[in-house]
Protein backbone atom coordinates (compact mmCIF):
# COMPACT_ATOMS: atom_id res chain seq x y z
CA MET A 1 -0.08 -0.02 0.07
CA ASP A 2 1.63 3.42 -1.11
CA LYS A 3 1.63 6.53 0.63
CA GLU A 4 -0.90 8.34 -1.34
CA ARG A 5 -3.57 5.64 -0.71
CA ILE A 6 -2.96 5.79 3.12
CA GLN A 7 -3.58 9.70 2.92
CA ARG A 8 -6.79 9.27 1.01
CA LEU A 9 -8.03 6.32 3.61
CA VAL A 10 -7.10 8.72 6.58
CA LYS A 11 -8.78 11.78 4.86
CA LYS A 12 -12.08 9.72 4.17
CA TYR A 13 -12.62 7.83 7.46
CA GLY A 14 -10.77 10.59 9.89
CA GLN A 15 -13.60 12.81 9.44
CA LYS A 16 -16.11 10.20 10.40
CA ILE A 17 -14.12 9.00 13.37
CA LYS A 18 -13.84 12.66 14.79
CA ALA A 19 -17.54 13.22 14.28
CA TRP A 20 -18.42 9.98 16.04
CA LEU A 21 -16.10 10.76 18.98
CA LEU A 22 -17.60 14.27 19.36
CA GLN A 23 -21.10 12.95 19.22
CA GLY A 24 -20.28 10.44 22.01
CA ALA A 25 -18.74 13.10 24.14
CA LYS A 26 -21.83 15.18 23.81
CA GLU A 27 -24.06 12.32 24.86
CA VAL A 28 -21.81 11.40 27.83
CA TRP A 29 -21.63 14.91 29.05
CA SER A 30 -25.44 15.29 28.42
CA PHE A 31 -26.03 11.98 30.75
CA VAL A 32 -23.65 13.12 33.34
CA SER A 33 -24.81 16.76 33.72
CA SER A 34 -28.33 15.59 33.65
CA PRO A 35 -30.26 16.09 36.96
CA ILE A 36 -31.16 12.51 37.40
CA PHE A 37 -27.49 11.47 37.37
CA LEU A 38 -26.43 14.02 39.74
CA LYS A 39 -29.24 13.18 42.34
CA ASN A 40 -28.12 9.61 42.17
CA LEU A 41 -24.43 10.21 42.59
CA GLY A 42 -25.06 12.61 45.61
CA LEU A 43 -27.37 9.74 47.03
CA MET A 44 -24.62 7.26 46.67
CA LEU A 45 -21.76 9.48 48.16
CA ALA A 46 -24.36 10.22 51.16
CA VAL A 47 -24.79 6.50 51.64
CA SER A 48 -21.21 5.64 51.49
CA LEU A 49 -20.48 8.35 53.96
CA LEU A 50 -23.03 7.16 56.46
CA PHE A 51 -21.78 3.56 56.04
CA VAL A 52 -18.33 4.56 56.79
CA PHE A 53 -19.26 6.73 59.97
CA LEU A 54 -21.59 3.76 61.27
CA THR A 55 -18.84 1.22 60.76
CA ALA A 56 -16.37 3.64 62.59
CA SER A 57 -18.55 4.24 65.51
CA TRP A 58 -19.32 0.41 65.85
CA LEU A 59 -15.64 -0.36 66.02
CA HIS A 60 -15.14 2.31 68.42
CA CYS A 61 -17.67 1.03 70.68
CA TYR A 62 -16.72 -2.59 70.23
CA THR A 63 -13.07 -2.21 70.76
CA HIS A 64 -13.29 0.81 73.28
CA HIS A 65 -10.63 2.60 71.04
CA GLY A 66 -8.23 4.40 73.04
CA GLU A 67 -9.96 3.77 76.40
CA THR A 68 -7.88 2.05 79.15
CA LEU A 69 -8.41 0.95 82.70
CA PRO A 70 -6.20 0.60 85.61
CA VAL A 71 -5.54 -3.15 86.65
CA PRO A 72 -6.64 -3.78 90.28
CA ASP A 73 -4.56 -5.47 92.90
CA PHE A 74 -5.68 -9.13 93.27
CA ALA A 75 -2.96 -10.23 95.42
CA GLY A 76 -4.33 -11.91 98.63
CA LEU A 77 -7.71 -12.69 97.00
CA GLU A 78 -8.92 -16.10 96.53
CA VAL A 79 -9.18 -17.03 92.77
CA ASP A 80 -13.09 -16.99 92.92
CA GLU A 81 -12.92 -13.56 94.60
CA ALA A 82 -10.34 -12.30 91.98
CA GLN A 83 -12.52 -13.59 89.19
CA ARG A 84 -15.52 -11.58 90.38
CA ALA A 85 -13.54 -8.48 90.74
CA ALA A 86 -11.86 -8.91 87.46
CA GLN A 87 -15.45 -9.28 85.69
CA GLU A 88 -16.55 -6.04 87.38
CA SER A 89 -13.50 -4.22 85.71
CA SER A 90 -14.08 -6.06 82.39
CA MET A 91 -11.10 -8.28 82.67
CA GLU A 92 -10.45 -11.91 82.96
CA ILE A 93 -8.33 -13.92 85.29
CA VAL A 94 -6.36 -16.62 83.96
CA VAL A 95 -4.19 -18.97 86.49
CA ARG A 96 -0.78 -19.21 84.99
CA ASP A 97 0.91 -21.68 87.49
CA SER A 98 0.58 -22.55 91.32
CA VAL A 99 3.26 -22.86 94.06
CA TRP A 100 3.37 -24.09 97.69
CA VAL A 101 3.63 -21.40 100.18
CA GLU A 102 4.10 -22.23 103.95
CA ASN A 103 1.36 -21.36 106.22
CA LYS A 104 -0.86 -20.22 103.32
CA LYS A 105 -3.97 -21.83 102.13
CA GLY A 106 -4.37 -22.88 98.54
CA GLY A 107 -6.16 -20.85 95.88
CA ILE A 108 -4.57 -17.43 96.92
CA VAL A 109 -3.33 -14.99 94.38
CA LEU A 110 0.33 -14.62 94.98
CA GLU A 111 1.45 -12.70 91.94
CA GLN A 112 -0.06 -11.04 88.87
CA ASP A 113 0.73 -9.75 85.30
CA PRO A 114 0.11 -6.84 84.27
CA ALA A 115 0.99 -5.56 87.72
CA PRO A 116 -1.54 -3.48 89.70
CA GLY A 117 -2.10 -0.07 88.40
CA ASP A 118 -0.99 -0.85 84.78
CA GLU A 119 -3.29 0.72 82.08
CA VAL A 120 -5.04 -2.06 80.00
CA LYS A 121 -7.96 -2.28 77.62
CA ARG A 122 -11.13 -3.93 78.51
CA GLY A 123 -11.14 -7.71 78.14
CA ARG A 124 -7.74 -7.86 78.91
CA LYS A 125 -6.33 -11.16 80.50
CA ILE A 126 -4.74 -10.88 83.90
CA TYR A 127 -2.43 -13.82 84.47
CA VAL A 128 -1.72 -14.89 88.04
CA ARG A 129 0.28 -17.32 90.01
CA VAL A 130 -1.80 -18.90 93.18
CA SER A 131 -0.90 -21.02 96.23
CA ARG A 132 -0.97 -24.53 96.21
CA ASN A 133 -2.51 -26.82 99.20
CA THR A 134 -0.11 -29.67 98.50
CA PRO A 135 3.81 -29.07 98.85
CA ASP A 136 6.12 -30.33 96.36
CA GLU A 137 8.50 -33.13 97.42
CA VAL A 138 12.30 -31.87 97.09
CA SER A 139 15.45 -34.20 97.43
CA LEU A 140 17.75 -33.68 100.48
CA PRO A 141 21.01 -32.56 99.43
CA GLU A 142 24.16 -34.43 99.92
CA LEU A 143 26.37 -33.61 103.09
CA ALA A 144 29.61 -33.87 101.29
CA GLY A 145 31.30 -30.63 101.40
CA VAL A 146 28.69 -28.88 103.22
CA ASP A 147 28.48 -30.86 106.68
CA ASN A 148 28.83 -27.79 108.69
CA PHE A 149 25.33 -27.00 110.32
CA ASP A 150 24.94 -23.57 109.27
CA GLN A 151 25.76 -24.06 105.72
CA TYR A 152 23.38 -27.08 105.52
CA GLN A 153 20.85 -25.09 106.95
CA ARG A 154 21.12 -22.29 104.34
CA LEU A 155 21.09 -24.90 101.73
CA LEU A 156 17.81 -26.52 102.92
CA LYS A 157 16.16 -23.04 103.45
CA LYS A 158 16.49 -22.44 99.76
CA ARG A 159 14.39 -25.55 99.34
CA HIS A 160 11.85 -24.49 101.70
CA LEU A 161 13.03 -27.07 104.53
CA LYS A 162 13.92 -26.36 108.10
CA LEU A 163 16.84 -27.80 110.09
CA LYS A 164 17.34 -27.84 113.87
CA VAL A 165 19.67 -29.49 116.27
CA LYS A 166 18.59 -32.69 117.81
CA GLU A 167 21.45 -33.47 119.89
CA ARG A 168 25.11 -32.37 120.43
CA VAL A 169 27.66 -35.18 120.75
CA TYR A 170 31.20 -34.75 121.77
CA ARG A 171 33.58 -35.37 118.92
CA PRO A 172 36.96 -33.83 119.38
CA LYS A 173 38.28 -35.02 115.97
CA TYR A 174 35.75 -32.96 114.23
CA ALA A 175 35.18 -29.30 113.75
CA GLU A 176 32.46 -27.63 115.84
CA ASN A 177 28.95 -28.08 114.26
CA THR A 178 29.75 -30.81 111.83
CA ILE A 179 26.72 -32.89 111.07
CA VAL A 180 27.05 -36.55 112.16
CA TYR A 181 23.88 -37.67 110.82
CA LEU A 182 20.21 -36.54 110.04
CA VAL A 183 16.91 -37.76 111.58
CA TYR A 184 13.49 -37.24 109.91
CA LYS A 185 10.51 -38.67 111.55
CA GLY A 186 12.45 -40.77 113.80
CA GLU A 187 14.45 -42.39 110.74
CA LYS A 188 18.16 -41.82 111.00
CA ILE A 189 19.83 -40.67 107.69
CA GLU A 190 23.41 -41.04 106.98
CA MET A 191 25.59 -39.40 104.47
CA GLY A 192 25.52 -42.43 102.15
CA ASP A 193 21.57 -42.36 102.05
CA LEU A 194 21.55 -39.08 100.67
CA LYS A 195 23.54 -39.84 97.26
CA ASP A 196 21.53 -39.18 94.08
CA GLY A 197 18.80 -37.44 95.66
CA GLN A 198 17.26 -40.69 97.12
CA ILE A 199 15.65 -38.94 100.10
CA LYS A 200 12.84 -36.80 99.32
CA VAL A 201 10.69 -34.90 101.65
CA PRO A 202 7.75 -32.39 101.65
CA GLN A 203 8.41 -28.62 101.20
CA GLY A 204 8.01 -27.36 104.70
CA SER A 205 9.14 -30.30 106.68
CA THR A 206 11.72 -30.04 109.77
CA ILE A 207 14.98 -32.17 109.43
CA GLU A 208 16.85 -32.87 112.76
CA ALA A 209 20.49 -32.89 112.98
CA VAL A 210 22.98 -34.54 115.23
CA VAL A 211 25.89 -32.35 115.41
CA THR A 212 29.41 -32.28 117.09
CA ARG A 213 30.88 -30.15 119.92
CA LYS A 214 34.37 -29.57 120.91
CA THR A 215 33.57 -29.35 124.66
CA THR A 216 31.93 -32.28 126.61
CA ASP A 217 29.01 -32.03 129.17
CA TYR A 218 30.61 -34.97 131.15
CA ALA A 219 33.28 -35.25 133.47
CA GLU A 220 35.57 -38.02 134.56
CA VAL A 221 34.85 -39.39 138.08
CA PRO A 222 38.14 -38.73 140.09
CA ASP A 223 39.63 -41.58 142.39
CA LEU A 224 38.63 -40.44 146.01
CA LEU A 225 39.39 -43.64 147.84
CA CYS A 226 41.69 -43.03 150.89
CA ASN A 227 41.26 -39.17 150.45
CA THR A 228 39.70 -37.22 153.24
CA LEU A 229 36.40 -35.48 152.87
CA SER A 230 38.09 -32.08 152.51
CA GLU A 231 40.34 -33.25 149.79
CA SER A 232 37.56 -34.95 148.00
CA ARG A 233 35.56 -31.80 147.96
CA PHE A 234 38.32 -30.04 146.08
CA LEU A 235 38.86 -32.87 143.54
CA VAL A 236 34.99 -33.10 142.80
CA LYS A 237 34.54 -29.42 142.80
CA ALA A 238 37.40 -29.22 140.01
CA VAL A 239 35.53 -31.31 137.53
CA LYS A 240 32.07 -29.74 138.08
CA LEU A 241 30.58 -32.45 140.15
CA LYS A 242 29.17 -32.67 143.75
CA LEU A 243 29.45 -34.91 146.66
CA GLU A 244 26.97 -37.05 148.42
CA VAL A 245 28.18 -38.05 151.76
CA VAL A 246 27.38 -40.96 153.79
CA GLU A 247 29.14 -41.39 157.41
CA ASP A 248 29.51 -44.40 159.35
CA PRO A 249 29.10 -44.28 163.18
CA SER A 250 32.80 -43.85 163.78
CA VAL A 251 32.98 -40.35 162.24
CA SER A 252 33.41 -37.50 164.66
CA VAL A 253 35.16 -34.88 162.47
CA PRO A 254 33.65 -35.22 159.07
CA GLU A 255 36.27 -33.10 157.08
CA GLU A 256 38.96 -35.21 158.31
CA ALA A 257 37.30 -38.58 157.82
CA PHE A 258 38.49 -40.87 154.95
CA VAL A 259 36.69 -42.28 152.00
CA TRP A 260 36.68 -46.06 151.93
CA LYS A 261 33.86 -46.39 149.23
CA GLN A 262 32.66 -44.45 146.25
CA GLU A 263 29.77 -44.57 143.69
CA PRO A 264 30.31 -44.50 140.72
CA ALA A 265 33.96 -45.72 140.50
CA ALA A 266 36.74 -43.84 139.38
CA LYS A 267 36.99 -42.91 135.75
CA SER A 268 33.37 -43.36 135.22
CA ARG A 269 31.65 -40.37 133.43
CA LEU A 270 28.89 -38.32 134.85
CA ALA A 271 27.08 -35.33 133.37
CA PHE A 272 28.20 -31.90 135.03
CA GLY A 273 26.43 -31.24 138.15
CA LYS A 274 25.87 -34.95 139.03
CA SER A 275 26.85 -36.20 142.57
CA VAL A 276 29.41 -38.62 143.64
CA LYS A 277 28.42 -40.61 146.59
CA VAL A 278 31.21 -41.32 149.16
CA TYR A 279 31.33 -43.38 152.21
CA LEU A 280 33.52 -42.17 155.22
CA THR A 281 34.99 -43.68 158.21
CA GLN A 282 37.12 -41.67 160.70
CA LYS A 283 40.31 -43.72 160.51
CA MET A 284 42.28 -44.27 157.59
CA PRO A 285 41.23 -47.72 156.01
CA GLU A 286 43.74 -50.58 156.34
CA GLN A 287 44.12 -50.82 152.40
CA CYS A 288 45.02 -47.17 152.30
CA GLU A 289 48.04 -47.50 154.87
């Protein structure tokens, strides 16, 4: 197709296309500018704006947009009481976990998250930790390396256990307050029994300990035979014991009378303050001469 032919076609049909476009534009403008179209358009816009407004208002009421409330303090309340108090504040209590606390009954709120006074929206869940009725069982730690009473007592305290002294025994070879063995409910627990956490007791339990002492509460009874009463008093007083005197009919000057028999025998052990019974006669016994 040559150039002249193309120009003739453009000239022939260009006028028709232009006229058609002008006619279409006039018809569109006539429709758009008509009162009916403008009325319907305005009505549609009004309905759309009303829909947007109503939707925004509903969302605001439903979510309480921007509205917050302070979290009440639920600590110390029973779970049921905390639930009612939370509902009154448009909140919800959720129990996260429970722990045993000595001298506190079960079901009491101990901690909460969010904390009291924090600002939250309505419907917020408040997670709480509550007390438990039944204590957990914990293993008694080994004594190896911590056989000192004070150290072991601190270690048990971390496990919510108590340690008290049941008895002190004289063990000069050991340091003061060394634990010899433990006692729980009358049962003796020695160091070997505590390996690998074999002994378990409920939290809050009291464990008793037999511990060492460097000094003794006992004295060795001196040999009083053939001594005068005066000499015997001195010997007995020196070891923190007392004398109980029994005189035979011959005694006229007690302090100068001689001991011919004693109870208990020499080298026996008596607790401090106890008495040694001595039997006196005025003349020195034959076995003493």
